[in-house]
């Protein structure tokens, strides 16, 4: 086992974040604030000295990862499996709009990782598609020196993937809170034990 540390970084602020609209797979754009957040976090990630940088292929993550990659001197690999939860008919809507159209559904979605928005994915679905990215990295670095990999992704995916990699029971997943724009989570493990441990969550520069 040589993959010793994972850093899961959320993208910068987007126009949809400002408007309070659910993004899912919609290709929203970073705001000026989001670009500034990426510029501020990039030196912090560079200090971690990652060996690899992999990003969701959605534009908000790509643009964040490009800034981080330049600071780290690393190319960015893009992987669609790191996309945010597909929210189906909820994409582009605000929470009040969703509550009006689907009364009580937001609360059900937030409390049950198996619950799917209409036409969308559950949190369990998201982890099922994203976790193989980490499994493949484990195989790739099996005979290499201890490695650190940064994944640039999305809040919902990060919360779910942290829960899945920590092997938490799904009933506990809602206890893992949200993560701010350009904040990150860190998972690490010891050389003598393969289990991931949470070393930091919602870490940021401010």
N, C-alpha and C. Protein backbone atom coordinates (compact mmCIF):
# COMPACT_ATOMS: atom_id res chain seq x y z
N UNK A 1 0.84 -1.20 0.00
CA UNK A 1 0.00 0.00 0.00
C UNK A 1 0.87 1.24 0.00
N UNK A 2 0.72 2.06 -1.03
CA UNK A 2 1.55 3.25 -1.12
C UNK A 2 0.78 4.55 -1.25
N UNK A 3 -0.51 4.49 -1.56
CA UNK A 3 -1.30 5.71 -1.57
C UNK A 3 -1.63 6.06 -0.13
N UNK A 4 -0.94 7.05 0.40
CA UNK A 4 -1.02 7.33 1.83
C UNK A 4 -1.90 8.50 2.20
N UNK A 5 -2.16 9.42 1.23
CA UNK A 5 -2.94 10.61 1.58
C UNK A 5 -3.77 11.05 0.39
N UNK A 6 -5.03 11.37 0.66
CA UNK A 6 -5.95 11.93 -0.32
C UNK A 6 -6.40 13.30 0.17
N UNK A 7 -6.33 14.28 -0.71
CA UNK A 7 -6.85 15.62 -0.43
C UNK A 7 -8.00 15.86 -1.40
N UNK A 8 -9.18 16.12 -0.87
CA UNK A 8 -10.37 16.31 -1.69
C UNK A 8 -10.77 17.78 -1.60
N UNK A 9 -10.53 18.50 -2.67
CA UNK A 9 -10.71 19.95 -2.71
C UNK A 9 -11.97 20.32 -3.48
N UNK A 10 -12.83 21.12 -2.86
CA UNK A 10 -14.02 21.62 -3.56
C UNK A 10 -13.64 22.82 -4.43
N UNK A 11 -14.34 22.96 -5.53
CA UNK A 11 -14.15 24.08 -6.45
C UNK A 11 -14.48 25.43 -5.80
N UNK A 12 -14.10 26.50 -6.47
CA UNK A 12 -14.40 27.85 -6.01
C UNK A 12 -15.86 28.23 -6.22
N UNK A 13 -16.21 29.37 -5.68
CA UNK A 13 -17.60 29.88 -5.76
C UNK A 13 -18.03 30.03 -7.22
N UNK A 14 -19.29 29.68 -7.48
CA UNK A 14 -19.85 29.79 -8.83
C UNK A 14 -21.04 30.75 -8.85
N UNK A 15 -21.46 31.08 -10.08
CA UNK A 15 -22.64 31.92 -10.23
C UNK A 15 -23.87 31.25 -9.64
N UNK A 16 -23.95 29.93 -9.73
CA UNK A 16 -25.09 29.21 -9.16
C UNK A 16 -25.03 29.21 -7.63
N UNK A 17 -23.84 29.11 -7.06
CA UNK A 17 -23.72 29.23 -5.61
C UNK A 17 -24.28 30.56 -5.14
N UNK A 18 -23.93 31.63 -5.83
CA UNK A 18 -24.39 32.97 -5.44
C UNK A 18 -25.90 33.07 -5.55
N UNK A 19 -26.46 32.46 -6.59
CA UNK A 19 -27.92 32.53 -6.81
C UNK A 19 -28.68 31.53 -5.96
N UNK A 20 -27.98 30.65 -5.24
CA UNK A 20 -28.65 29.65 -4.41
C UNK A 20 -29.31 28.56 -5.22
N UNK A 21 -28.77 28.26 -6.39
CA UNK A 21 -29.37 27.25 -7.27
C UNK A 21 -28.56 25.96 -7.24
N UNK A 22 -29.27 24.84 -7.30
CA UNK A 22 -28.64 23.52 -7.29
C UNK A 22 -27.95 23.30 -8.63
N UNK A 23 -26.71 22.84 -8.59
CA UNK A 23 -25.93 22.73 -9.82
C UNK A 23 -25.94 21.32 -10.41
N UNK A 24 -25.61 20.33 -9.61
CA UNK A 24 -25.53 18.99 -10.16
C UNK A 24 -24.56 18.94 -11.32
N UNK A 25 -25.01 18.46 -12.47
CA UNK A 25 -24.16 18.36 -13.65
C UNK A 25 -24.22 19.60 -14.54
N UNK A 26 -24.96 20.63 -14.15
CA UNK A 26 -24.96 21.87 -14.92
C UNK A 26 -23.56 22.47 -14.89
N UNK A 27 -23.08 22.94 -16.03
CA UNK A 27 -21.70 23.43 -16.13
C UNK A 27 -21.63 24.91 -15.76
N UNK A 28 -21.78 25.21 -14.49
CA UNK A 28 -21.75 26.58 -14.01
C UNK A 28 -20.31 27.10 -14.00
N UNK A 29 -20.17 28.41 -13.88
CA UNK A 29 -18.87 29.07 -14.00
C UNK A 29 -18.43 29.68 -12.67
N UNK A 30 -17.12 29.74 -12.48
CA UNK A 30 -16.59 30.44 -11.32
C UNK A 30 -16.89 31.94 -11.41
N UNK A 31 -17.20 32.54 -10.27
CA UNK A 31 -17.30 34.00 -10.18
C UNK A 31 -15.90 34.57 -9.99
N UNK A 32 -15.81 35.90 -9.97
CA UNK A 32 -14.52 36.54 -9.66
C UNK A 32 -14.02 36.10 -8.28
N UNK A 33 -14.96 35.99 -7.34
CA UNK A 33 -14.59 35.50 -6.01
C UNK A 33 -14.07 34.08 -6.08
N UNK A 34 -14.71 33.24 -6.89
CA UNK A 34 -14.29 31.86 -7.03
C UNK A 34 -12.89 31.74 -7.60
N UNK A 35 -12.57 32.58 -8.58
CA UNK A 35 -11.22 32.59 -9.16
C UNK A 35 -10.21 33.02 -8.10
N UNK A 36 -10.58 34.04 -7.30
CA UNK A 36 -9.69 34.50 -6.24
C UNK A 36 -9.50 33.42 -5.17
N UNK A 37 -10.55 32.67 -4.88
CA UNK A 37 -10.44 31.57 -3.91
C UNK A 37 -9.46 30.51 -4.41
N UNK A 38 -9.56 30.19 -5.70
CA UNK A 38 -8.65 29.20 -6.27
C UNK A 38 -7.21 29.68 -6.20
N UNK A 39 -7.00 30.97 -6.49
CA UNK A 39 -5.65 31.53 -6.43
C UNK A 39 -5.11 31.50 -5.01
N UNK A 40 -5.99 31.71 -4.02
CA UNK A 40 -5.55 31.71 -2.62
C UNK A 40 -5.23 30.32 -2.12
N UNK A 41 -5.99 29.33 -2.57
CA UNK A 41 -5.79 27.98 -2.05
C UNK A 41 -4.64 27.27 -2.76
N UNK A 42 -4.32 27.68 -3.97
CA UNK A 42 -3.32 26.96 -4.76
C UNK A 42 -1.97 26.83 -4.05
N UNK A 43 -1.43 27.89 -3.44
CA UNK A 43 -0.14 27.72 -2.74
C UNK A 43 -0.23 26.77 -1.55
N UNK A 44 -1.38 26.74 -0.89
CA UNK A 44 -1.56 25.82 0.24
C UNK A 44 -1.52 24.37 -0.23
N UNK A 45 -2.18 24.10 -1.35
CA UNK A 45 -2.15 22.73 -1.89
C UNK A 45 -0.74 22.40 -2.38
N UNK A 46 -0.06 23.39 -2.98
CA UNK A 46 1.31 23.15 -3.46
C UNK A 46 2.24 22.74 -2.31
N UNK A 47 2.01 23.31 -1.12
CA UNK A 47 2.85 22.97 0.03
C UNK A 47 2.70 21.51 0.46
N UNK A 48 1.57 20.91 0.11
CA UNK A 48 1.35 19.49 0.41
C UNK A 48 2.21 18.61 -0.48
N UNK A 49 2.67 19.19 -1.60
CA UNK A 49 3.53 18.48 -2.57
C UNK A 49 2.85 17.22 -3.11
N UNK A 50 1.68 17.38 -3.74
CA UNK A 50 1.00 16.20 -4.27
C UNK A 50 1.75 15.58 -5.45
N UNK A 51 1.53 14.28 -5.61
CA UNK A 51 2.12 13.56 -6.74
C UNK A 51 1.21 13.56 -7.96
N UNK A 52 -0.09 13.70 -7.74
CA UNK A 52 -1.05 13.68 -8.83
C UNK A 52 -2.16 14.66 -8.54
N UNK A 53 -2.78 15.15 -9.61
CA UNK A 53 -3.91 16.06 -9.50
C UNK A 53 -4.97 15.60 -10.49
N UNK A 54 -6.11 15.23 -9.97
CA UNK A 54 -7.21 14.72 -10.80
C UNK A 54 -8.45 15.56 -10.50
N UNK A 55 -9.19 15.91 -11.55
CA UNK A 55 -10.34 16.80 -11.37
C UNK A 55 -11.58 16.24 -12.06
N UNK A 56 -12.72 16.56 -11.49
CA UNK A 56 -13.98 16.45 -12.21
C UNK A 56 -13.86 17.21 -13.52
N UNK A 57 -14.61 16.76 -14.52
CA UNK A 57 -14.55 17.44 -15.82
C UNK A 57 -15.56 18.57 -15.96
N UNK A 58 -16.30 18.88 -14.90
CA UNK A 58 -17.21 20.03 -14.96
C UNK A 58 -16.39 21.32 -14.83
N UNK A 59 -16.82 22.36 -15.54
CA UNK A 59 -16.01 23.56 -15.73
C UNK A 59 -15.57 24.20 -14.41
N UNK A 60 -16.44 24.24 -13.42
CA UNK A 60 -16.08 24.90 -12.17
C UNK A 60 -14.91 24.18 -11.48
N UNK A 61 -14.86 22.87 -11.59
CA UNK A 61 -13.75 22.11 -11.03
C UNK A 61 -12.51 22.22 -11.91
N UNK A 62 -12.71 22.16 -13.23
CA UNK A 62 -11.59 22.28 -14.17
C UNK A 62 -10.84 23.59 -13.97
N UNK A 63 -11.59 24.69 -13.88
CA UNK A 63 -10.95 26.00 -13.74
C UNK A 63 -10.22 26.12 -12.40
N UNK A 64 -10.78 25.54 -11.37
CA UNK A 64 -10.10 25.53 -10.07
C UNK A 64 -8.83 24.69 -10.14
N UNK A 65 -8.95 23.51 -10.74
CA UNK A 65 -7.81 22.60 -10.82
C UNK A 65 -6.68 23.17 -11.67
N UNK A 66 -7.02 23.91 -12.71
CA UNK A 66 -5.98 24.51 -13.55
C UNK A 66 -5.10 25.47 -12.75
N UNK A 67 -5.73 26.26 -11.88
CA UNK A 67 -4.97 27.20 -11.04
C UNK A 67 -4.10 26.43 -10.05
N UNK A 68 -4.67 25.40 -9.45
CA UNK A 68 -3.92 24.60 -8.48
C UNK A 68 -2.77 23.86 -9.17
N UNK A 69 -3.06 23.30 -10.34
CA UNK A 69 -2.03 22.58 -11.07
C UNK A 69 -0.85 23.45 -11.44
N UNK A 70 -1.12 24.70 -11.83
CA UNK A 70 -0.03 25.62 -12.17
C UNK A 70 0.86 25.88 -10.95
N UNK A 71 0.24 26.02 -9.77
CA UNK A 71 1.02 26.26 -8.55
C UNK A 71 1.84 25.03 -8.15
N UNK A 72 1.30 23.84 -8.44
CA UNK A 72 1.96 22.60 -8.05
C UNK A 72 2.95 22.12 -9.10
N UNK A 73 2.90 22.72 -10.30
CA UNK A 73 3.73 22.22 -11.38
C UNK A 73 3.30 20.86 -11.88
N UNK A 74 1.98 20.60 -11.83
CA UNK A 74 1.44 19.30 -12.22
C UNK A 74 0.41 19.45 -13.33
N UNK A 75 0.37 18.50 -14.26
CA UNK A 75 -0.75 18.47 -15.21
C UNK A 75 -2.01 18.00 -14.49
N UNK A 76 -3.15 18.33 -15.06
CA UNK A 76 -4.43 17.93 -14.46
C UNK A 76 -5.04 16.83 -15.33
N UNK A 77 -5.40 15.74 -14.71
CA UNK A 77 -6.15 14.69 -15.39
C UNK A 77 -7.63 14.88 -15.05
N UNK A 78 -8.50 14.70 -16.03
CA UNK A 78 -9.93 14.91 -15.81
C UNK A 78 -10.66 13.57 -15.82
N UNK A 79 -11.60 13.43 -14.90
CA UNK A 79 -12.32 12.17 -14.75
C UNK A 79 -13.79 12.47 -14.44
N UNK A 80 -14.67 12.08 -15.33
CA UNK A 80 -16.10 12.38 -15.16
C UNK A 80 -16.71 11.67 -13.96
N UNK A 81 -16.04 10.66 -13.44
CA UNK A 81 -16.58 9.96 -12.26
C UNK A 81 -16.53 10.83 -11.01
N UNK A 82 -15.80 11.94 -11.07
CA UNK A 82 -15.72 12.87 -9.93
C UNK A 82 -16.74 13.99 -10.03
N UNK A 83 -17.67 13.88 -10.95
CA UNK A 83 -18.72 14.90 -11.06
C UNK A 83 -19.61 14.92 -9.81
N UNK A 84 -20.26 16.05 -9.64
CA UNK A 84 -21.23 16.21 -8.55
C UNK A 84 -22.41 15.27 -8.76
N UNK A 85 -23.21 15.09 -7.72
CA UNK A 85 -24.44 14.33 -7.80
C UNK A 85 -25.32 14.86 -8.93
N UNK A 86 -25.81 13.97 -9.78
CA UNK A 86 -26.80 14.40 -10.78
C UNK A 86 -28.13 14.57 -10.04
N UNK A 87 -28.68 15.76 -10.13
CA UNK A 87 -29.88 16.08 -9.35
C UNK A 87 -31.17 16.03 -10.15
N UNK A 88 -31.10 15.48 -11.37
CA UNK A 88 -32.31 15.28 -12.15
C UNK A 88 -33.13 16.55 -12.33
N UNK A 89 -34.41 16.46 -12.00
CA UNK A 89 -35.33 17.59 -12.20
C UNK A 89 -35.05 18.76 -11.26
N UNK A 90 -34.20 18.56 -10.28
CA UNK A 90 -33.89 19.65 -9.34
C UNK A 90 -32.80 20.57 -9.85
N UNK A 91 -32.05 20.16 -10.84
CA UNK A 91 -30.92 20.96 -11.30
C UNK A 91 -31.40 22.33 -11.80
N UNK A 92 -30.70 23.37 -11.33
CA UNK A 92 -31.05 24.73 -11.72
C UNK A 92 -32.10 25.38 -10.84
N UNK A 93 -32.67 24.64 -9.90
CA UNK A 93 -33.72 25.17 -9.03
C UNK A 93 -33.15 25.57 -7.68
N UNK A 94 -33.85 26.48 -7.01
CA UNK A 94 -33.50 26.85 -5.64
C UNK A 94 -34.19 25.89 -4.68
N UNK A 95 -33.73 25.88 -3.44
CA UNK A 95 -34.36 25.02 -2.43
C UNK A 95 -35.83 25.38 -2.24
N UNK A 96 -36.21 26.69 -2.14
CA UNK A 96 -37.64 26.99 -2.03
C UNK A 96 -38.45 26.50 -3.23
N UNK A 97 -37.89 26.56 -4.42
CA UNK A 97 -38.60 26.05 -5.60
C UNK A 97 -38.79 24.54 -5.51
N UNK A 98 -37.77 23.85 -5.02
CA UNK A 98 -37.88 22.39 -4.87
C UNK A 98 -38.89 22.05 -3.80
N UNK A 99 -38.88 22.81 -2.71
CA UNK A 99 -39.83 22.55 -1.62
C UNK A 99 -41.26 22.77 -2.08
N UNK A 100 -41.43 23.75 -2.94
CA UNK A 100 -42.78 24.02 -3.47
C UNK A 100 -43.24 22.89 -4.39
N UNK A 101 -42.34 22.39 -5.23
CA UNK A 101 -42.72 21.34 -6.17
C UNK A 101 -42.74 19.95 -5.59
N UNK A 102 -41.88 19.71 -4.61
CA UNK A 102 -41.75 18.39 -3.99
C UNK A 102 -41.71 18.57 -2.46
N UNK A 103 -42.83 18.87 -1.84
CA UNK A 103 -42.83 19.16 -0.40
C UNK A 103 -42.20 18.03 0.42
N UNK A 104 -41.27 18.40 1.28
CA UNK A 104 -40.62 17.44 2.16
C UNK A 104 -39.49 16.66 1.53
N UNK A 105 -39.27 16.80 0.22
CA UNK A 105 -38.29 15.96 -0.46
C UNK A 105 -36.85 16.36 -0.11
N UNK A 106 -36.59 17.65 0.08
CA UNK A 106 -35.24 18.09 0.43
C UNK A 106 -34.81 17.45 1.75
N UNK A 107 -35.71 17.44 2.73
CA UNK A 107 -35.38 16.84 4.03
C UNK A 107 -35.12 15.35 3.88
N UNK A 108 -35.91 14.67 3.04
CA UNK A 108 -35.70 13.24 2.82
C UNK A 108 -34.35 12.99 2.16
N UNK A 109 -34.01 13.81 1.18
CA UNK A 109 -32.74 13.66 0.46
C UNK A 109 -31.55 13.88 1.39
N UNK A 110 -31.65 14.89 2.25
CA UNK A 110 -30.54 15.20 3.15
C UNK A 110 -30.36 14.16 4.24
N UNK A 111 -31.40 13.44 4.58
CA UNK A 111 -31.32 12.51 5.70
C UNK A 111 -31.12 11.06 5.28
N UNK A 112 -31.29 10.76 3.98
CA UNK A 112 -31.22 9.38 3.53
C UNK A 112 -30.30 9.28 2.31
N UNK A 113 -29.09 8.71 2.45
CA UNK A 113 -28.15 8.62 1.33
C UNK A 113 -28.65 7.77 0.16
N UNK A 114 -29.68 6.96 0.39
CA UNK A 114 -30.22 6.13 -0.69
C UNK A 114 -31.32 6.83 -1.47
N UNK A 115 -31.74 8.02 -1.02
CA UNK A 115 -32.86 8.72 -1.65
C UNK A 115 -32.38 9.46 -2.90
N UNK A 116 -33.13 9.32 -3.99
CA UNK A 116 -32.76 9.96 -5.25
C UNK A 116 -33.73 11.08 -5.59
N UNK A 117 -33.23 12.25 -5.99
CA UNK A 117 -34.12 13.25 -6.58
C UNK A 117 -34.73 12.68 -7.86
N UNK A 118 -35.88 13.16 -8.27
CA UNK A 118 -36.51 12.62 -9.47
C UNK A 118 -35.60 12.76 -10.69
N UNK A 119 -35.25 11.61 -11.28
CA UNK A 119 -34.37 11.60 -12.44
C UNK A 119 -32.90 11.73 -12.10
N UNK A 120 -32.56 11.67 -10.81
CA UNK A 120 -31.17 11.91 -10.40
C UNK A 120 -30.53 10.73 -9.70
N UNK A 121 -29.41 11.01 -9.02
CA UNK A 121 -28.63 10.01 -8.32
C UNK A 121 -28.79 10.15 -6.81
N UNK A 122 -28.64 9.04 -6.12
CA UNK A 122 -28.53 9.09 -4.66
C UNK A 122 -27.07 9.32 -4.29
N UNK A 123 -26.82 9.64 -3.03
CA UNK A 123 -25.45 9.77 -2.56
C UNK A 123 -24.71 8.44 -2.67
N UNK A 124 -25.41 7.35 -2.43
CA UNK A 124 -24.80 6.03 -2.58
C UNK A 124 -24.38 5.79 -4.02
N UNK A 125 -25.22 6.19 -4.98
CA UNK A 125 -24.86 6.07 -6.40
C UNK A 125 -23.57 6.83 -6.70
N UNK A 126 -23.46 8.02 -6.16
CA UNK A 126 -22.30 8.87 -6.42
C UNK A 126 -21.02 8.20 -5.90
N UNK A 127 -21.08 7.68 -4.70
CA UNK A 127 -19.90 7.02 -4.12
C UNK A 127 -19.55 5.76 -4.91
N UNK A 128 -20.56 5.06 -5.37
CA UNK A 128 -20.32 3.84 -6.15
C UNK A 128 -19.57 4.15 -7.44
N UNK A 129 -19.82 5.29 -8.06
CA UNK A 129 -19.11 5.62 -9.30
C UNK A 129 -17.75 6.28 -9.04
N UNK A 130 -17.61 6.97 -7.89
CA UNK A 130 -16.37 7.70 -7.62
C UNK A 130 -15.30 6.86 -6.93
N UNK A 131 -15.70 5.93 -6.09
CA UNK A 131 -14.70 5.19 -5.31
C UNK A 131 -13.73 4.39 -6.17
N UNK A 132 -14.13 3.88 -7.35
CA UNK A 132 -13.15 3.20 -8.19
C UNK A 132 -11.97 4.08 -8.61
N UNK A 133 -12.15 5.39 -8.63
CA UNK A 133 -11.02 6.28 -8.92
C UNK A 133 -9.92 6.05 -7.89
N UNK A 134 -10.30 5.96 -6.63
CA UNK A 134 -9.33 5.74 -5.55
C UNK A 134 -8.76 4.33 -5.62
N UNK A 135 -9.62 3.35 -5.93
CA UNK A 135 -9.14 1.97 -6.05
C UNK A 135 -8.07 1.86 -7.14
N UNK A 136 -8.28 2.55 -8.25
CA UNK A 136 -7.31 2.51 -9.34
C UNK A 136 -6.00 3.19 -8.96
N UNK A 137 -6.09 4.26 -8.17
CA UNK A 137 -4.87 4.91 -7.69
C UNK A 137 -4.09 3.99 -6.76
N UNK A 138 -4.81 3.24 -5.93
CA UNK A 138 -4.15 2.25 -5.07
C UNK A 138 -3.34 1.26 -5.90
N UNK A 139 -3.94 0.79 -6.98
CA UNK A 139 -3.23 -0.17 -7.84
C UNK A 139 -2.04 0.50 -8.52
N UNK A 140 -2.24 1.71 -8.99
CA UNK A 140 -1.16 2.41 -9.70
C UNK A 140 0.05 2.65 -8.82
N UNK A 141 -0.19 2.99 -7.55
CA UNK A 141 0.91 3.33 -6.66
C UNK A 141 1.34 2.18 -5.76
N UNK A 142 0.92 0.97 -6.10
CA UNK A 142 1.21 -0.18 -5.24
C UNK A 142 2.70 -0.40 -5.04
N UNK A 143 3.51 -0.12 -6.06
CA UNK A 143 4.95 -0.36 -5.93
C UNK A 143 5.76 0.93 -5.97
N UNK A 144 5.10 2.05 -5.71
CA UNK A 144 5.77 3.35 -5.74
C UNK A 144 5.97 3.86 -4.32
N UNK A 145 6.80 4.90 -4.15
CA UNK A 145 6.91 5.52 -2.82
C UNK A 145 5.56 6.06 -2.37
N UNK A 146 5.42 6.28 -1.08
CA UNK A 146 4.17 6.78 -0.52
C UNK A 146 3.73 8.02 -1.29
N UNK A 147 2.45 8.04 -1.67
CA UNK A 147 1.95 9.07 -2.58
C UNK A 147 0.83 9.88 -1.95
N UNK A 148 0.73 11.12 -2.41
CA UNK A 148 -0.37 12.02 -2.07
C UNK A 148 -1.06 12.42 -3.37
N UNK A 149 -2.37 12.30 -3.40
CA UNK A 149 -3.15 12.66 -4.59
C UNK A 149 -4.21 13.68 -4.19
N UNK A 150 -4.38 14.70 -5.02
CA UNK A 150 -5.42 15.71 -4.83
C UNK A 150 -6.53 15.46 -5.84
N UNK A 151 -7.75 15.38 -5.35
CA UNK A 151 -8.93 15.28 -6.20
C UNK A 151 -9.71 16.59 -6.09
N UNK A 152 -9.94 17.25 -7.21
CA UNK A 152 -10.72 18.49 -7.22
C UNK A 152 -12.14 18.14 -7.66
N UNK A 153 -13.10 18.40 -6.80
CA UNK A 153 -14.44 17.90 -7.07
C UNK A 153 -15.50 18.85 -6.48
N UNK A 154 -16.53 18.28 -5.88
CA UNK A 154 -17.74 19.01 -5.52
C UNK A 154 -18.17 18.63 -4.11
N UNK A 155 -18.92 19.52 -3.48
CA UNK A 155 -19.27 19.32 -2.07
C UNK A 155 -19.99 18.02 -1.78
N UNK A 156 -21.02 17.72 -2.57
CA UNK A 156 -21.77 16.50 -2.32
C UNK A 156 -20.94 15.25 -2.53
N UNK A 157 -20.15 15.26 -3.60
CA UNK A 157 -19.29 14.11 -3.87
C UNK A 157 -18.26 13.94 -2.77
N UNK A 158 -17.66 15.03 -2.32
CA UNK A 158 -16.63 14.93 -1.29
C UNK A 158 -17.20 14.36 0.00
N UNK A 159 -18.35 14.88 0.44
CA UNK A 159 -18.96 14.35 1.65
C UNK A 159 -19.27 12.87 1.54
N UNK A 160 -19.80 12.46 0.38
CA UNK A 160 -20.12 11.06 0.18
C UNK A 160 -18.88 10.18 0.11
N UNK A 161 -17.86 10.65 -0.63
CA UNK A 161 -16.66 9.83 -0.79
C UNK A 161 -15.91 9.69 0.53
N UNK A 162 -15.87 10.75 1.32
CA UNK A 162 -15.26 10.65 2.65
C UNK A 162 -16.00 9.58 3.47
N UNK A 163 -17.32 9.63 3.44
CA UNK A 163 -18.11 8.66 4.20
C UNK A 163 -17.84 7.23 3.72
N UNK A 164 -17.79 7.07 2.40
CA UNK A 164 -17.56 5.74 1.85
C UNK A 164 -16.17 5.20 2.15
N UNK A 165 -15.15 6.05 2.00
CA UNK A 165 -13.78 5.59 2.25
C UNK A 165 -13.53 5.32 3.73
N UNK A 166 -14.24 6.01 4.60
CA UNK A 166 -14.13 5.73 6.04
C UNK A 166 -14.96 4.53 6.46
N UNK A 167 -15.69 3.95 5.50
CA UNK A 167 -16.54 2.78 5.76
C UNK A 167 -17.58 3.06 6.84
N UNK A 168 -18.11 4.29 6.85
CA UNK A 168 -19.17 4.61 7.80
C UNK A 168 -20.46 3.94 7.37
N UNK A 169 -21.29 3.50 8.32
CA UNK A 169 -22.61 3.00 7.94
C UNK A 169 -23.40 4.11 7.27
N UNK A 170 -24.19 3.77 6.27
CA UNK A 170 -24.90 4.82 5.52
C UNK A 170 -25.81 5.66 6.41
N UNK A 171 -26.28 5.09 7.49
CA UNK A 171 -27.12 5.87 8.41
C UNK A 171 -26.36 7.03 9.03
N UNK A 172 -25.02 6.95 9.03
CA UNK A 172 -24.19 8.01 9.62
C UNK A 172 -23.74 9.05 8.59
N UNK A 173 -23.94 8.79 7.31
CA UNK A 173 -23.43 9.71 6.29
C UNK A 173 -23.95 11.14 6.45
N UNK A 174 -25.23 11.34 6.83
CA UNK A 174 -25.70 12.72 6.97
C UNK A 174 -24.96 13.51 8.06
N UNK A 175 -24.23 12.83 8.94
CA UNK A 175 -23.48 13.53 9.99
C UNK A 175 -22.24 14.22 9.43
N UNK A 176 -21.80 13.85 8.21
CA UNK A 176 -20.68 14.52 7.57
C UNK A 176 -21.23 15.79 6.91
N UNK A 177 -20.82 16.94 7.40
CA UNK A 177 -21.41 18.20 6.98
C UNK A 177 -20.92 18.68 5.63
N UNK A 178 -21.39 19.87 5.26
CA UNK A 178 -20.98 20.47 4.00
C UNK A 178 -19.54 20.96 4.04
N UNK A 179 -19.06 21.34 2.87
CA UNK A 179 -17.69 21.81 2.75
C UNK A 179 -17.70 23.10 1.92
N UNK A 180 -16.97 24.11 2.38
CA UNK A 180 -17.00 25.41 1.75
C UNK A 180 -16.27 25.44 0.42
N UNK A 181 -16.55 26.46 -0.37
CA UNK A 181 -15.83 26.63 -1.63
C UNK A 181 -14.33 26.75 -1.39
N UNK A 182 -13.56 25.99 -2.15
CA UNK A 182 -12.09 25.95 -2.04
C UNK A 182 -11.62 25.56 -0.64
N UNK A 183 -12.44 24.79 0.07
CA UNK A 183 -12.02 24.11 1.29
C UNK A 183 -11.79 22.65 0.95
N UNK A 184 -11.13 21.93 1.85
CA UNK A 184 -10.77 20.57 1.49
C UNK A 184 -10.86 19.63 2.68
N UNK A 185 -10.89 18.34 2.35
CA UNK A 185 -10.83 17.26 3.33
C UNK A 185 -9.55 16.48 3.09
N UNK A 186 -9.01 15.90 4.16
CA UNK A 186 -7.80 15.09 4.06
C UNK A 186 -8.07 13.72 4.67
N UNK A 187 -7.78 12.68 3.90
CA UNK A 187 -7.81 11.31 4.39
C UNK A 187 -6.40 10.76 4.34
N UNK A 188 -5.99 10.06 5.39
CA UNK A 188 -4.64 9.51 5.46
C UNK A 188 -4.70 8.12 6.07
N UNK A 189 -3.62 7.37 5.87
CA UNK A 189 -3.54 6.06 6.50
C UNK A 189 -2.09 5.72 6.79
N UNK A 190 -1.90 4.89 7.79
CA UNK A 190 -0.55 4.49 8.21
C UNK A 190 -0.02 3.40 7.29
N UNK A 191 1.29 3.27 7.26
CA UNK A 191 1.90 2.25 6.41
C UNK A 191 1.52 0.84 6.85
N UNK A 192 1.23 0.68 8.15
CA UNK A 192 0.95 -0.66 8.66
C UNK A 192 -0.54 -0.98 8.74
N UNK A 193 -1.38 -0.09 8.20
CA UNK A 193 -2.83 -0.34 8.28
C UNK A 193 -3.52 0.30 7.09
N UNK A 194 -4.33 -0.47 6.37
CA UNK A 194 -4.92 0.05 5.13
C UNK A 194 -6.13 0.95 5.32
N UNK A 195 -6.63 1.08 6.55
CA UNK A 195 -7.87 1.83 6.74
C UNK A 195 -7.62 3.33 6.66
N UNK A 196 -8.49 4.02 5.92
CA UNK A 196 -8.41 5.47 5.85
C UNK A 196 -8.87 6.10 7.16
N UNK A 197 -8.22 7.19 7.55
CA UNK A 197 -8.60 7.98 8.73
C UNK A 197 -8.82 9.42 8.29
N UNK A 198 -9.76 10.09 8.92
CA UNK A 198 -10.04 11.48 8.62
C UNK A 198 -9.03 12.35 9.34
N UNK A 199 -8.18 13.05 8.56
CA UNK A 199 -7.14 13.90 9.14
C UNK A 199 -7.51 15.38 9.12
N UNK A 200 -8.54 15.74 8.36
CA UNK A 200 -9.00 17.12 8.32
C UNK A 200 -10.24 17.24 7.47
N UNK A 201 -11.13 18.15 7.86
CA UNK A 201 -12.38 18.31 7.09
C UNK A 201 -12.80 19.77 7.08
N UNK A 202 -13.18 20.24 5.90
CA UNK A 202 -13.57 21.63 5.71
C UNK A 202 -12.42 22.58 6.11
N UNK A 203 -11.22 22.18 5.74
CA UNK A 203 -10.02 22.97 5.99
C UNK A 203 -9.94 24.07 4.93
N UNK A 204 -9.58 25.27 5.34
CA UNK A 204 -9.48 26.37 4.38
C UNK A 204 -8.45 27.40 4.76
N UNK A 205 -8.29 28.36 3.89
CA UNK A 205 -7.31 29.42 4.13
C UNK A 205 -7.90 30.56 4.94
N UNK A 206 -9.22 30.57 5.12
CA UNK A 206 -9.86 31.65 5.90
C UNK A 206 -11.12 31.12 6.57
